[in-house]
């Protein structure tokens, strides 16, 4: 009799342990957010590379596919927008294309004695192509390559936080 009771409780304990462990191991990541780009559309970013070398920027998603961004850095200011091609709900990794205007500061690299028209050009546009990772913890990382009217080819990395 004692053996049957012990067997019964042992069987129940094993089933309970199995249910607890399997629930923890096989449960999916649950988050309250539907889309990280619309739930927290405003972002603050630190930029390395790009048109201003080192700088800060802010961006805002007006919808899951489109954002506006403006920033300032060591060598200039910039502003424009990006379009994310493969954005959908719960999509953390997207690729994008953008159009930006920028102004480079006069920092003394231009030869003052030159009469060349190219020396006076400090306003331009550039077109970044890149990939962005934005997770449900509101951390973003972006890698891009760009071409433009002033700087022909450059790269950029951006680290950000959205809220």
Foldseek 3Di string as FASTA:
>chain_A
DVVVVVVVVVVVVVVVVVVVVCCVVPPDDDDPDFALCVVFFKKKKWKAKDPQRTWIKIKGDPDQFKMKMWIAHNFWIKIWMKGWDPTDTPDFKTKIKIKMKMFTDCPPPQDPPDPDPLSPDGIWMKMKIWMKGAHPQQWIKIKIWMAMDNRGIMIMIMIMGTD
